[in-house]
């Protein structure tokens, strides 16, 4: 999956951010489209929409698993890197719930980043 396919996948899965995803230069940039997904996830955490946070993480995992190296690096450096900000926006209990429901590969990369 390249950056265009990743952007289309995000736009299809989360219609509320579709307009932001399909704008140039976002649509052509793996980093910018993953940033839109990360910002959306941060907003869902602020709104305590844990199910939607989980949906975003599952989507990120799907894109990560199918993505080319550019897309994988964007998820690692933008989406997963934003977890520290996400953690600060929610209660300890909410973060534990989010962590317990993180997809395996996303959680694994997150743990690797913590110990790097």
C-alpha atoms as a PDB file:
ATOM      1  CA  UNK A   1       0.000   0.000   0.000  1.00  0.00           C
ATOM      2  CA  UNK A   2       1.467   3.346  -1.022  1.00  0.00           C
ATOM      3  CA  UNK A   3       0.684   6.804   0.388  1.00  0.00           C
ATOM      4  CA  UNK A   4      -2.224   7.349  -2.023  1.00  0.00           C
ATOM      5  CA  UNK A   5      -3.844   4.043  -1.099  1.00  0.00           C
ATOM      6  CA  UNK A   6      -3.278   4.757   2.608  1.00  0.00           C
ATOM      7  CA  UNK A   7      -4.932   8.167   2.253  1.00  0.00           C
ATOM      8  CA  UNK A   8      -7.888   6.606   0.419  1.00  0.00           C
ATOM      9  CA  UNK A   9      -8.206   3.924   3.116  1.00  0.00           C
ATOM     10  CA  UNK A  10      -8.298   6.564   5.871  1.00  0.00           C
ATOM     11  CA  UNK A  11     -10.834   8.665   3.945  1.00  0.00           C
ATOM     12  CA  UNK A  12     -13.069   5.611   3.405  1.00  0.00           C
ATOM     13  CA  UNK A  13     -12.861   4.432   7.022  1.00  0.00           C
ATOM     14  CA  UNK A  14     -13.315   7.826   8.709  1.00  0.00           C
ATOM     15  CA  UNK A  15     -15.665   9.979   6.615  1.00  0.00           C
ATOM     16  CA  UNK A  16     -15.470  12.914   9.052  1.00  0.00           C
ATOM     17  CA  UNK A  17     -11.845  13.582   8.034  1.00  0.00           C
ATOM     18  CA  UNK A  18     -12.267  12.745   4.349  1.00  0.00           C
ATOM     19  CA  UNK A  19     -12.198  16.393   3.197  1.00  0.00           C
ATOM     20  CA  UNK A  20      -8.961  17.010   5.057  1.00  0.00           C
ATOM     21  CA  UNK A  21      -7.344  13.847   3.675  1.00  0.00           C
ATOM     22  CA  UNK A  22      -8.132  14.485   0.004  1.00  0.00           C
ATOM     23  CA  UNK A  23      -6.776  18.052   0.010  1.00  0.00           C
ATOM     24  CA  UNK A  24      -3.466  18.678  -1.691  1.00  0.00           C
ATOM     25  CA  UNK A  25      -0.752  18.408  -0.383  1.00  0.00           C
ATOM     26  CA  UNK A  26      -2.119  15.969   2.230  1.00  0.00           C
ATOM     27  CA  UNK A  27      -3.264  13.352  -0.283  1.00  0.00           C
ATOM     28  CA  UNK A  28       0.218  12.979  -1.790  1.00  0.00           C
ATOM     29  CA  UNK A  29       2.092  12.839   1.506  1.00  0.00           C
ATOM     30  CA  UNK A  30       2.277   9.752   3.693  1.00  0.00           C
ATOM     31  CA  UNK A  31       3.373  11.874   6.649  1.00  0.00           C
ATOM     32  CA  UNK A  32       0.611  14.476   6.302  1.00  0.00           C
ATOM     33  CA  UNK A  33      -2.198  11.949   5.879  1.00  0.00           C
ATOM     34  CA  UNK A  34      -0.979   9.968   8.903  1.00  0.00           C
ATOM     35  CA  UNK A  35      -0.765  13.278  10.813  1.00  0.00           C
ATOM     36  CA  UNK A  36      -4.454  13.875  10.033  1.00  0.00           C
ATOM     37  CA  UNK A  37      -5.237  10.410  11.446  1.00  0.00           C
ATOM     38  CA  UNK A  38      -3.119  11.113  14.544  1.00  0.00           C
ATOM     39  CA  UNK A  39      -4.822  14.484  15.113  1.00  0.00           C
ATOM     40  CA  UNK A  40      -8.231  12.856  14.740  1.00  0.00           C
ATOM     41  CA  UNK A  41      -7.250  10.197  17.279  1.00  0.00           C
ATOM     42  CA  UNK A  42      -6.029  12.877  19.701  1.00  0.00           C
ATOM     43  CA  UNK A  43      -9.393  14.643  19.345  1.00  0.00           C
ATOM     44  CA  UNK A  44     -11.241  11.395  20.036  1.00  0.00           C
ATOM     45  CA  UNK A  45      -9.172  10.906  23.190  1.00  0.00           C
ATOM     46  CA  UNK A  46     -10.011  14.438  24.337  1.00  0.00           C
ATOM     47  CA  UNK A  47     -13.684  13.627  23.754  1.00  0.00           C
ATOM     48  CA  UNK A  48     -13.292  10.287  25.620  1.00  0.00           C
ATOM     49  CA  UNK A  49     -14.432   8.375  22.526  1.00  0.00           C
ATOM     50  CA  UNK A  50     -12.419   5.255  23.332  1.00  0.00           C
ATOM     51  CA  UNK A  51     -14.190   3.100  20.724  1.00  0.00           C
ATOM     52  CA  UNK A  52     -13.234   5.589  18.018  1.00  0.00           C
ATOM     53  CA  UNK A  53      -9.653   5.647  19.320  1.00  0.00           C
ATOM     54  CA  UNK A  54      -9.606   1.866  19.016  1.00  0.00           C
ATOM     55  CA  UNK A  55     -11.013   2.151  15.470  1.00  0.00           C
ATOM     56  CA  UNK A  56      -8.176   4.539  14.547  1.00  0.00           C
ATOM     57  CA  UNK A  57      -5.588   2.172  15.976  1.00  0.00           C
ATOM     58  CA  UNK A  58      -7.023  -0.798  14.092  1.00  0.00           C
ATOM     59  CA  UNK A  59      -6.955   1.283  10.910  1.00  0.00           C
ATOM     60  CA  UNK A  60      -3.343   2.329  11.568  1.00  0.00           C
ATOM     61  CA  UNK A  61      -2.433  -1.345  12.105  1.00  0.00           C
ATOM     62  CA  UNK A  62      -4.119  -2.354   8.843  1.00  0.00           C
ATOM     63  CA  UNK A  63      -2.266   0.375   6.936  1.00  0.00           C
ATOM     64  CA  UNK A  64       0.994  -0.473   8.705  1.00  0.00           C
ATOM     65  CA  UNK A  65       0.724  -4.171   7.855  1.00  0.00           C
ATOM     66  CA  UNK A  66      -0.064  -3.526   4.173  1.00  0.00           C
ATOM     67  CA  UNK A  67       2.024  -0.383   3.752  1.00  0.00           C
ATOM     68  CA  UNK A  68       5.244   0.104   1.858  1.00  0.00           C
ATOM     69  CA  UNK A  69       8.309   1.279   3.773  1.00  0.00           C
ATOM     70  CA  UNK A  70       7.397   4.981   3.433  1.00  0.00           C
ATOM     71  CA  UNK A  71       3.930   4.400   4.888  1.00  0.00           C
ATOM     72  CA  UNK A  72       5.284   2.205   7.709  1.00  0.00           C
ATOM     73  CA  UNK A  73       7.855   4.847   8.620  1.00  0.00           C
ATOM     74  CA  UNK A  74       5.163   7.549   8.611  1.00  0.00           C
ATOM     75  CA  UNK A  75       3.017   5.507  11.010  1.00  0.00           C
ATOM     76  CA  UNK A  76       6.004   4.880  13.275  1.00  0.00           C
ATOM     77  CA  UNK A  77       7.248   8.490  13.251  1.00  0.00           C
ATOM     78  CA  UNK A  78       3.908  10.309  13.317  1.00  0.00           C
ATOM     79  CA  UNK A  79       1.043   8.141  14.581  1.00  0.00           C
ATOM     80  CA  UNK A  80       2.847   5.999  17.144  1.00  0.00           C
ATOM     81  CA  UNK A  81       5.104   8.878  18.174  1.00  0.00           C
ATOM     82  CA  UNK A  82       1.937  10.851  19.061  1.00  0.00           C
ATOM     83  CA  UNK A  83       1.057   8.281  21.751  1.00  0.00           C
ATOM     84  CA  UNK A  84       2.949  10.311  24.364  1.00  0.00           C
ATOM     85  CA  UNK A  85       0.599  13.248  23.692  1.00  0.00           C
ATOM     86  CA  UNK A  86      -2.383  10.896  23.693  1.00  0.00           C
ATOM     87  CA  UNK A  87      -1.352   9.486  27.059  1.00  0.00           C
ATOM     88  CA  UNK A  88      -1.308  12.972  28.591  1.00  0.00           C
ATOM     89  CA  UNK A  89      -4.836  13.730  27.351  1.00  0.00           C
ATOM     90  CA  UNK A  90      -6.593  10.908  29.135  1.00  0.00           C
ATOM     91  CA  UNK A  91      -6.838   9.379  32.559  1.00  0.00           C
ATOM     92  CA  UNK A  92      -4.553   6.558  33.626  1.00  0.00           C
ATOM     93  CA  UNK A  93      -7.498   4.165  33.471  1.00  0.00           C
ATOM     94  CA  UNK A  94      -8.400   5.274  29.929  1.00  0.00           C
ATOM     95  CA  UNK A  95      -4.782   4.888  28.768  1.00  0.00           C
ATOM     96  CA  UNK A  96      -4.634   1.380  30.247  1.00  0.00           C
ATOM     97  CA  UNK A  97      -7.844   0.514  28.402  1.00  0.00           C
ATOM     98  CA  UNK A  98      -6.455   1.953  25.158  1.00  0.00           C
ATOM     99  CA  UNK A  99      -3.189   0.036  25.579  1.00  0.00           C
ATOM    100  CA  UNK A 100      -5.030  -3.212  26.303  1.00  0.00           C
ATOM    101  CA  UNK A 101      -6.916  -2.864  23.014  1.00  0.00           C
ATOM    102  CA  UNK A 102      -3.986  -1.733  20.848  1.00  0.00           C
ATOM    103  CA  UNK A 103      -3.351  -3.996  17.883  1.00  0.00           C
ATOM    104  CA  UNK A 104      -0.271  -6.201  18.336  1.00  0.00           C
ATOM    105  CA  UNK A 105       2.080  -4.609  15.782  1.00  0.00           C
ATOM    106  CA  UNK A 106       1.211  -1.048  16.802  1.00  0.00           C
ATOM    107  CA  UNK A 107       1.754  -1.925  20.468  1.00  0.00           C
ATOM    108  CA  UNK A 108       5.048  -3.642  19.656  1.00  0.00           C
ATOM    109  CA  UNK A 109       6.409  -0.602  17.789  1.00  0.00           C
ATOM    110  CA  UNK A 110       5.215   1.644  20.631  1.00  0.00           C
ATOM    111  CA  UNK A 111       7.109  -0.467  23.193  1.00  0.00           C
ATOM    112  CA  UNK A 112      10.219  -0.403  20.984  1.00  0.00           C
ATOM    113  CA  UNK A 113      10.004   3.404  20.832  1.00  0.00           C
ATOM    114  CA  UNK A 114       9.681   3.616  24.609  1.00  0.00           C
ATOM    115  CA  UNK A 115      12.849   1.590  25.078  1.00  0.00           C
ATOM    116  CA  UNK A 116      14.895   3.195  22.290  1.00  0.00           C
END
